[in-house]
Amino acid sequence: MSQQPAVSLTEEERRILETFVHRGKANARTLTRARILLKSADGWSTSALAAAFDVCEATVTNVWTVRPRGAGGRLAR
């Protein structure tokens, strides 16, 4: 099983992502990537995330490396 780099989210980042996902008003690609970030922070492996969200492992890795950032390295709103 592939392992991912440690993804840590602040409480604010987690709240923003959870609210974003629950509203469901974005396109499917964006919502999937938000869900990947949330599950990554919960410790899911690359292969488990890829299987759960029906994406390739490269997509999962790209979500971590192309993580949306705002000022101070936090998630953009």
PDB file of N, CA and C in Angstrom:
ATOM      1  N   MET A   1       0.833  -1.182   0.000  1.00  0.00           N
ATOM      2  CA  MET A   1       0.000   0.000   0.000  1.00  0.00           C
ATOM      3  C   MET A   1       0.876   1.242   0.000  1.00  0.00           C
ATOM      4  N   SER A   2       0.624   2.190  -0.874  1.00  0.00           N
ATOM      5  CA  SER A   2       1.396   3.423  -0.951  1.00  0.00           C
ATOM      6  C   SER A   2       1.056   4.330   0.221  1.00  0.00           C
ATOM      7  N   GLN A   3       2.064   5.017   0.675  1.00  0.00           N
ATOM      8  CA  GLN A   3       1.844   5.967   1.765  1.00  0.00           C
ATOM      9  C   GLN A   3       1.973   7.392   1.238  1.00  0.00           C
ATOM     10  N   GLN A   4       1.253   8.278   1.828  1.00  0.00           N
ATOM     11  CA  GLN A   4       1.272   9.666   1.422  1.00  0.00           C
ATOM     12  C   GLN A   4       2.144  10.475   2.368  1.00  0.00           C
ATOM     13  N   PRO A   5       2.588  11.628   1.912  1.00  0.00           N
ATOM     14  CA  PRO A   5       3.258  12.525   2.838  1.00  0.00           C
ATOM     15  C   PRO A   5       2.240  12.993   3.874  1.00  0.00           C
ATOM     16  N   ALA A   6       2.720  13.361   5.026  1.00  0.00           N
ATOM     17  CA  ALA A   6       1.804  13.808   6.079  1.00  0.00           C
ATOM     18  C   ALA A   6       1.077  15.073   5.629  1.00  0.00           C
ATOM     19  N   VAL A   7      -0.233  15.024   5.693  1.00  0.00           N
ATOM     20  CA  VAL A   7      -1.044  16.198   5.374  1.00  0.00           C
ATOM     21  C   VAL A   7      -1.680  16.630   6.670  1.00  0.00           C
ATOM     22  N   SER A   8      -1.419  17.858   7.051  1.00  0.00           N
ATOM     23  CA  SER A   8      -2.037  18.357   8.277  1.00  0.00           C
ATOM     24  C   SER A   8      -2.865  19.578   7.938  1.00  0.00           C
ATOM     25  N   LEU A   9      -4.042  19.603   8.486  1.00  0.00           N
ATOM     26  CA  LEU A   9      -4.956  20.723   8.282  1.00  0.00           C
ATOM     27  C   LEU A   9      -5.212  21.391   9.620  1.00  0.00           C
ATOM     28  N   THR A  10      -5.266  22.712   9.603  1.00  0.00           N
ATOM     29  CA  THR A  10      -5.659  23.408  10.816  1.00  0.00           C
ATOM     30  C   THR A  10      -7.159  23.211  10.994  1.00  0.00           C
ATOM     31  N   GLU A  11      -7.654  23.527  12.154  1.00  0.00           N
ATOM     32  CA  GLU A  11      -9.102  23.421  12.395  1.00  0.00           C
ATOM     33  C   GLU A  11      -9.873  24.297  11.413  1.00  0.00           C
ATOM     34  N   GLU A  12      -9.334  25.475  11.127  1.00  0.00           N
ATOM     35  CA  GLU A  12     -10.000  26.387  10.186  1.00  0.00           C
ATOM     36  C   GLU A  12     -10.020  25.797   8.775  1.00  0.00           C
ATOM     37  N   GLU A  13      -8.892  25.226   8.339  1.00  0.00           N
ATOM     38  CA  GLU A  13      -8.836  24.624   7.011  1.00  0.00           C
ATOM     39  C   GLU A  13      -9.817  23.461   6.905  1.00  0.00           C
ATOM     40  N   ARG A  14      -9.852  22.624   7.932  1.00  0.00           N
ATOM     41  CA  ARG A  14     -10.783  21.491   7.944  1.00  0.00           C
ATOM     42  C   ARG A  14     -12.230  21.990   7.879  1.00  0.00           C
ATOM     43  N   ARG A  15     -12.558  23.002   8.658  1.00  0.00           N
ATOM     44  CA  ARG A  15     -13.913  23.557   8.678  1.00  0.00           C
ATOM     45  C   ARG A  15     -14.283  24.104   7.303  1.00  0.00           C
ATOM     46  N   ILE A  16     -13.361  24.820   6.675  1.00  0.00           N
ATOM     47  CA  ILE A  16     -13.610  25.390   5.348  1.00  0.00           C
ATOM     48  C   ILE A  16     -13.868  24.279   4.334  1.00  0.00           C
ATOM     49  N   LEU A  17     -13.013  23.242   4.337  1.00  0.00           N
ATOM     50  CA  LEU A  17     -13.188  22.133   3.396  1.00  0.00           C
ATOM     51  C   LEU A  17     -14.490  21.377   3.646  1.00  0.00           C
ATOM     52  N   GLU A  18     -14.807  21.114   4.906  1.00  0.00           N
ATOM     53  CA  GLU A  18     -16.043  20.391   5.217  1.00  0.00           C
ATOM     54  C   GLU A  18     -17.269  21.189   4.791  1.00  0.00           C
ATOM     55  N   THR A  19     -17.261  22.482   5.043  1.00  0.00           N
ATOM     56  CA  THR A  19     -18.372  23.335   4.618  1.00  0.00           C
ATOM     57  C   THR A  19     -18.493  23.332   3.097  1.00  0.00           C
ATOM     58  N   PHE A  20     -17.363  23.451   2.425  1.00  0.00           N
ATOM     59  CA  PHE A  20     -17.315  23.449   0.970  1.00  0.00           C
ATOM     60  C   PHE A  20     -17.915  22.160   0.401  1.00  0.00           C
ATOM     61  N   VAL A  21     -17.517  21.018   0.967  1.00  0.00           N
ATOM     62  CA  VAL A  21     -18.010  19.723   0.493  1.00  0.00           C
ATOM     63  C   VAL A  21     -19.502  19.572   0.779  1.00  0.00           C
ATOM     64  N   HIS A  22     -19.929  19.962   1.957  1.00  0.00           N
ATOM     65  CA  HIS A  22     -21.337  19.790   2.323  1.00  0.00           C
ATOM     66  C   HIS A  22     -22.272  20.684   1.506  1.00  0.00           C
ATOM     67  N   ARG A  23     -21.794  21.840   1.098  1.00  0.00           N
ATOM     68  CA  ARG A  23     -22.625  22.705   0.242  1.00  0.00           C
ATOM     69  C   ARG A  23     -22.815  22.081  -1.127  1.00  0.00           C
ATOM     70  N   GLY A  24     -21.767  21.449  -1.648  1.00  0.00           N
ATOM     71  CA  GLY A  24     -21.858  20.735  -2.917  1.00  0.00           C
ATOM     72  C   GLY A  24     -22.128  21.601  -4.118  1.00  0.00           C
ATOM     73  N   LYS A  25     -21.725  22.871  -4.070  1.00  0.00           N
ATOM     74  CA  LYS A  25     -22.029  23.776  -5.176  1.00  0.00           C
ATOM     75  C   LYS A  25     -20.856  23.983  -6.127  1.00  0.00           C
ATOM     76  N   ALA A  26     -19.857  23.128  -6.047  1.00  0.00           N
ATOM     77  CA  ALA A  26     -18.714  23.204  -6.960  1.00  0.00           C
ATOM     78  C   ALA A  26     -18.785  22.026  -7.926  1.00  0.00           C
ATOM     79  N   ASN A  27     -17.901  22.029  -8.911  1.00  0.00           N
ATOM     80  CA  ASN A  27     -17.900  20.907  -9.853  1.00  0.00           C
ATOM     81  C   ASN A  27     -17.347  19.656  -9.177  1.00  0.00           C
ATOM     82  N   ALA A  28     -17.621  18.511  -9.744  1.00  0.00           N
ATOM     83  CA  ALA A  28     -17.270  17.223  -9.142  1.00  0.00           C
ATOM     84  C   ALA A  28     -15.767  17.093  -8.923  1.00  0.00           C
ATOM     85  N   ARG A  29     -14.965  17.595  -9.843  1.00  0.00           N
ATOM     86  CA  ARG A  29     -13.506  17.507  -9.730  1.00  0.00           C
ATOM     87  C   ARG A  29     -13.021  18.243  -8.479  1.00  0.00           C
ATOM     88  N   THR A  30     -13.522  19.428  -8.260  1.00  0.00           N
ATOM     89  CA  THR A  30     -13.116  20.236  -7.107  1.00  0.00           C
ATOM     90  C   THR A  30     -13.572  19.598  -5.802  1.00  0.00           C
ATOM     91  N   LEU A  31     -14.791  19.080  -5.781  1.00  0.00           N
ATOM     92  CA  LEU A  31     -15.297  18.426  -4.571  1.00  0.00           C
ATOM     93  C   LEU A  31     -14.503  17.158  -4.255  1.00  0.00           C
ATOM     94  N   THR A  32     -14.144  16.397  -5.277  1.00  0.00           N
ATOM     95  CA  THR A  32     -13.346  15.188  -5.064  1.00  0.00           C
ATOM     96  C   THR A  32     -12.000  15.548  -4.456  1.00  0.00           C
ATOM     97  N   ARG A  33     -11.375  16.584  -4.942  1.00  0.00           N
ATOM     98  CA  ARG A  33     -10.078  16.997  -4.415  1.00  0.00           C
ATOM     99  C   ARG A  33     -10.179  17.488  -2.971  1.00  0.00           C
ATOM    100  N   ALA A  34     -11.261  18.159  -2.650  1.00  0.00           N
ATOM    101  CA  ALA A  34     -11.479  18.584  -1.259  1.00  0.00           C
ATOM    102  C   ALA A  34     -11.655  17.366  -0.359  1.00  0.00           C
ATOM    103  N   ARG A  35     -12.402  16.383  -0.828  1.00  0.00           N
ATOM    104  CA  ARG A  35     -12.591  15.146  -0.050  1.00  0.00           C
ATOM    105  C   ARG A  35     -11.272  14.401   0.129  1.00  0.00           C
ATOM    106  N   ILE A  36     -10.435  14.396  -0.905  1.00  0.00           N
ATOM    107  CA  ILE A  36      -9.121  13.757  -0.816  1.00  0.00           C
ATOM    108  C   ILE A  36      -8.275  14.428   0.257  1.00  0.00           C
ATOM    109  N   LEU A  37      -8.282  15.745   0.296  1.00  0.00           N
ATOM    110  CA  LEU A  37      -7.523  16.457   1.332  1.00  0.00           C
ATOM    111  C   LEU A  37      -8.021  16.098   2.725  1.00  0.00           C
ATOM    112  N   LEU A  38      -9.327  16.042   2.899  1.00  0.00           N
ATOM    113  CA  LEU A  38      -9.885  15.712   4.214  1.00  0.00           C
ATOM    114  C   LEU A  38      -9.490  14.303   4.649  1.00  0.00           C
ATOM    115  N   LYS A  39      -9.617  13.339   3.758  1.00  0.00           N
ATOM    116  CA  LYS A  39      -9.272  11.962   4.104  1.00  0.00           C
ATOM    117  C   LYS A  39      -7.757  11.792   4.271  1.00  0.00           C
ATOM    118  N   SER A  40      -6.971  12.540   3.515  1.00  0.00           N
ATOM    119  CA  SER A  40      -5.518  12.492   3.676  1.00  0.00           C
ATOM    120  C   SER A  40      -5.122  12.928   5.078  1.00  0.00           C
ATOM    121  N   ALA A  41      -5.768  13.959   5.557  1.00  0.00           N
ATOM    122  CA  ALA A  41      -5.490  14.448   6.905  1.00  0.00           C
ATOM    123  C   ALA A  41      -5.894  13.425   7.960  1.00  0.00           C
ATOM    124  N   ASP A  42      -6.824  12.533   7.608  1.00  0.00           N
ATOM    125  CA  ASP A  42      -7.248  11.468   8.523  1.00  0.00           C
ATOM    126  C   ASP A  42      -6.331  10.253   8.453  1.00  0.00           C
ATOM    127  N   GLY A  43      -5.306  10.301   7.581  1.00  0.00           N
ATOM    128  CA  GLY A  43      -4.323   9.232   7.527  1.00  0.00           C
ATOM    129  C   GLY A  43      -4.519   8.182   6.454  1.00  0.00           C
ATOM    130  N   TRP A  44      -5.413   8.399   5.517  1.00  0.00           N
ATOM    131  CA  TRP A  44      -5.626   7.425   4.440  1.00  0.00           C
ATOM    132  C   TRP A  44      -4.383   7.373   3.551  1.00  0.00           C
ATOM    133  N   SER A  45      -4.074   6.195   3.022  1.00  0.00           N
ATOM    134  CA  SER A  45      -2.934   6.027   2.117  1.00  0.00           C
ATOM    135  C   SER A  45      -3.312   6.462   0.701  1.00  0.00           C
ATOM    136  N   THR A  46      -2.277   6.642  -0.107  1.00  0.00           N
ATOM    137  CA  THR A  46      -2.481   7.027  -1.503  1.00  0.00           C
ATOM    138  C   THR A  46      -3.357   6.015  -2.232  1.00  0.00           C
ATOM    139  N   SER A  47      -3.041   4.738  -2.072  1.00  0.00           N
ATOM    140  CA  SER A  47      -3.796   3.710  -2.796  1.00  0.00           C
ATOM    141  C   SER A  47      -5.238   3.614  -2.296  1.00  0.00           C
ATOM    142  N   ALA A  48      -5.455   3.793  -1.000  1.00  0.00           N
ATOM    143  CA  ALA A  48      -6.819   3.755  -0.458  1.00  0.00           C
ATOM    144  C   ALA A  48      -7.632   4.937  -0.979  1.00  0.00           C
ATOM    145  N   LEU A  49      -7.009   6.106  -1.039  1.00  0.00           N
ATOM    146  CA  LEU A  49      -7.702   7.289  -1.556  1.00  0.00           C
ATOM    147  C   LEU A  49      -8.038   7.117  -3.037  1.00  0.00           C
ATOM    148  N   ALA A  50      -7.069   6.618  -3.805  1.00  0.00           N
ATOM    149  CA  ALA A  50      -7.290   6.421  -5.243  1.00  0.00           C
ATOM    150  C   ALA A  50      -8.441   5.452  -5.483  1.00  0.00           C
ATOM    151  N   ALA A  51      -8.488   4.378  -4.723  1.00  0.00           N
ATOM    152  CA  ALA A  51      -9.565   3.399  -4.882  1.00  0.00           C
ATOM    153  C   ALA A  51     -10.907   3.966  -4.437  1.00  0.00           C
ATOM    154  N   ALA A  52     -10.931   4.666  -3.315  1.00  0.00           N
ATOM    155  CA  ALA A  52     -12.184   5.189  -2.777  1.00  0.00           C
ATOM    156  C   ALA A  52     -12.815   6.245  -3.675  1.00  0.00           C
ATOM    157  N   PHE A  53     -11.975   7.072  -4.306  1.00  0.00           N
ATOM    158  CA  PHE A  53     -12.504   8.165  -5.119  1.00  0.00           C
ATOM    159  C   PHE A  53     -12.400   7.901  -6.615  1.00  0.00           C
ATOM    160  N   ASP A  54     -12.003   6.668  -6.978  1.00  0.00           N
ATOM    161  CA  ASP A  54     -11.923   6.243  -8.375  1.00  0.00           C
ATOM    162  C   ASP A  54     -11.073   7.193  -9.214  1.00  0.00           C
ATOM    163  N   VAL A  55      -9.878   7.487  -8.694  1.00  0.00           N
ATOM    164  CA  VAL A  55      -8.899   8.308  -9.402  1.00  0.00           C
ATOM    165  C   VAL A  55      -7.572   7.553  -9.367  1.00  0.00           C
ATOM    166  N   CYS A  56      -6.613   7.980 -10.174  1.00  0.00           N
ATOM    167  CA  CYS A  56      -5.306   7.321 -10.144  1.00  0.00           C
ATOM    168  C   CYS A  56      -4.466   7.913  -8.999  1.00  0.00           C
ATOM    169  N   GLU A  57      -3.439   7.176  -8.608  1.00  0.00           N
ATOM    170  CA  GLU A  57      -2.595   7.623  -7.506  1.00  0.00           C
ATOM    171  C   GLU A  57      -1.904   8.952  -7.808  1.00  0.00           C
ATOM    172  N   ALA A  58      -1.605   9.202  -9.088  1.00  0.00           N
ATOM    173  CA  ALA A  58      -0.984  10.474  -9.467  1.00  0.00           C
ATOM    174  C   ALA A  58      -1.907  11.648  -9.145  1.00  0.00           C
ATOM    175  N   THR A  59      -3.203  11.452  -9.326  1.00  0.00           N
ATOM    176  CA  THR A  59      -4.163  12.507  -9.000  1.00  0.00           C
ATOM    177  C   THR A  59      -4.114  12.818  -7.519  1.00  0.00           C
ATOM    178  N   VAL A  60      -4.059  11.788  -6.692  1.00  0.00           N
ATOM    179  CA  VAL A  60      -3.997  11.980  -5.247  1.00  0.00           C
ATOM    180  C   VAL A  60      -2.735  12.757  -4.881  1.00  0.00           C
ATOM    181  N   THR A  61      -1.610  12.360  -5.453  1.00  0.00           N
ATOM    182  CA  THR A  61      -0.348  13.037  -5.179  1.00  0.00           C
ATOM    183  C   THR A  61      -0.398  14.491  -5.633  1.00  0.00           C
ATOM    184  N   ASN A  62      -1.008  14.738  -6.776  1.00  0.00           N
ATOM    185  CA  ASN A  62      -1.118  16.112  -7.280  1.00  0.00           C
ATOM    186  C   ASN A  62      -1.970  16.989  -6.377  1.00  0.00           C
ATOM    187  N   VAL A  63      -2.962  16.414  -5.750  1.00  0.00           N
ATOM    188  CA  VAL A  63      -3.801  17.194  -4.844  1.00  0.00           C
ATOM    189  C   VAL A  63      -2.949  17.732  -3.701  1.00  0.00           C
ATOM    190  N   TRP A  64      -1.995  16.920  -3.203  1.00  0.00           N
ATOM    191  CA  TRP A  64      -1.139  17.370  -2.108  1.00  0.00           C
ATOM    192  C   TRP A  64      -0.157  18.425  -2.563  1.00  0.00           C
ATOM    193  N   THR A  65       0.372  18.289  -3.783  1.00  0.00           N
ATOM    194  CA  THR A  65       1.407  19.211  -4.242  1.00  0.00           C
ATOM    195  C   THR A  65       0.838  20.487  -4.819  1.00  0.00           C
ATOM    196  N   VAL A  66      -0.403  20.462  -5.274  1.00  0.00           N
ATOM    197  CA  VAL A  66      -1.030  21.636  -5.868  1.00  0.00           C
ATOM    198  C   VAL A  66      -2.155  22.112  -4.950  1.00  0.00           C
ATOM    199  N   ARG A  67      -1.939  21.977  -3.666  1.00  0.00           N
ATOM    200  CA  ARG A  67      -2.933  22.343  -2.670  1.00  0.00           C
ATOM    201  C   ARG A  67      -3.245  23.833  -2.746  1.00  0.00           C
ATOM    202  N   PRO A  68      -4.532  24.201  -2.794  1.00  0.00           N
ATOM    203  CA  PRO A  68      -4.892  25.610  -2.863  1.00  0.00           C
ATOM    204  C   PRO A  68      -4.392  26.353  -1.623  1.00  0.00           C
ATOM    205  N   ARG A  69      -3.729  27.473  -1.840  1.00  0.00           N
ATOM    206  CA  ARG A  69      -3.184  28.222  -0.709  1.00  0.00           C
ATOM    207  C   ARG A  69      -3.522  29.696  -0.845  1.00  0.00           C
ATOM    208  N   GLY A  70      -3.737  30.294   0.281  1.00  0.00           N
ATOM    209  CA  GLY A  70      -3.953  31.728   0.340  1.00  0.00           C
ATOM    210  C   GLY A  70      -2.800  32.343   1.103  1.00  0.00           C
ATOM    211  N   ALA A  71      -3.027  33.496   1.681  1.00  0.00           N
ATOM    212  CA  ALA A  71      -2.001  34.173   2.450  1.00  0.00           C
ATOM    213  C   ALA A  71      -1.562  33.309   3.617  1.00  0.00           C
ATOM    214  N   GLY A  72      -0.297  33.235   3.858  1.00  0.00           N
ATOM    215  CA  GLY A  72       0.211  32.480   4.995  1.00  0.00           C
ATOM    216  C   GLY A  72       0.173  30.981   4.806  1.00  0.00           C
ATOM    217  N   GLY A  73      -0.029  30.495   3.582  1.00  0.00           N
ATOM    218  CA  GLY A  73      -0.035  29.057   3.343  1.00  0.00           C
ATOM    219  C   GLY A  73      -1.325  28.368   3.733  1.00  0.00           C
ATOM    220  N   ARG A  74      -2.345  29.119   4.070  1.00  0.00           N
ATOM    221  CA  ARG A  74      -3.630  28.504   4.430  1.00  0.00           C
ATOM    222  C   ARG A  74      -4.483  28.305   3.201  1.00  0.00           C
ATOM    223  N   LEU A  75      -5.478  27.479   3.330  1.00  0.00           N
ATOM    224  CA  LEU A  75      -6.399  27.242   2.209  1.00  0.00           C
ATOM    225  C   LEU A  75      -7.111  28.537   1.846  1.00  0.00           C
ATOM    226  N   ALA A  76      -7.244  28.765   0.569  1.00  0.00           N
ATOM    227  CA  ALA A  76      -7.977  29.940   0.106  1.00  0.00           C
ATOM    228  C   ALA A  76      -9.471  29.717   0.313  1.00  0.00           C
ATOM    229  N   ARG A  77     -10.188  30.761   0.602  1.00  0.00           N
ATOM    230  CA  ARG A  77     -11.640  30.639   0.802  1.00  0.00           C
ATOM    231  C   ARG A  77     -12.376  30.684  -0.483  1.00  0.00           C
TER     232      ARG A  77
END
